[in-house]
Amino acid sequence: MSAFPEAAVQRPIRVLAVTATHGFRHTAAIDAAKALFQDLREASEFEFTVTESLSDLEDLDGFDVVFFANSTLRVAPEEPAGLTAAQRQALLSFVRGGGGFAGAHSALDAGYGWADYRAMVGGGLFHSHPWNQSVRISNNAPAHPITAHLGAGFELRDEIYVLDVDPSPRSNVLLSLDVASVDLRRLPDEVARPGFPLSWTRSEGNGRIFITALGHFPHVWLDESYLEHLLQGLRYAAGRLPPQENSQETAQGADS
């Protein structure tokens, strides 16, 4: 399937892409993503509204998906410009009511102290990034529409996140790190687990969640394998792709 299909006859998928940051800002990757979103408006069924204003989260009527694209958002009042209680509740209500949520890379370096956000994205947030290199990524779900184009896996140079909590028990893991492609001696001593998920789906109330931990470098956003993975994930979050049976995708409200 091409990442740039002909515009669908059905109504567009309307995505609010939030690129605001309070923590580290992936400037080059965010700029690449913004250019990509503009191209996709003209070459696909997606309509992206890109915003740096968190007040846009207060009225999500008309959107199908909220996408945290390398957002490193913090929570008020710890961060004065952070997400307010009203904004947090608006996002949760949107997703639990049937809206989609997607997060890329440093969307997992966000929401500290916000238990509902941690649960929504699978339970884990950023711990460390011991590998910044070319890695082999394993496809855990070769029949899933988000990852069917990837075969057994693919190679990519990116920054690989290790999370403080493994999201696997609460999620349907799509991609994971092939640990044979990295030096495990660089792993922090306190992190002991058999695998490292890099993309997954889950449900939150009546809403669908798609997470990819990839996307640190600008070239990643232009990689065809990643781009197709991302767009299929957004389609999934928008309800345009079927859920997979016997997984966290069909366990409504699991761990929420």
Foldseek 3Di string as FASTA:
>chain_A
DFLQAAEDPDAAQEEEEEQAEDPDHLVQLVVLVVVVQVVNVVRYSHDYDYDNQLVVLLDCPPHQEYEHELYQFEEPPVPVRGDDPSSVVSVLCCFLVAGFYEYEAQVLNHDPPPVVSCQQQQNWGFDDFLDQAKFWKAFPCCPAQLQVVQPRTDIDGFGATDTPDASVVQWAAGIWTPCVRDDCVSPDPVDDDDTGGAWTWAGANNFIYTYGNTRSHNVLCVDRNNSSSVVSSSCVRSVNGDDDPPTRHPVHRGSD
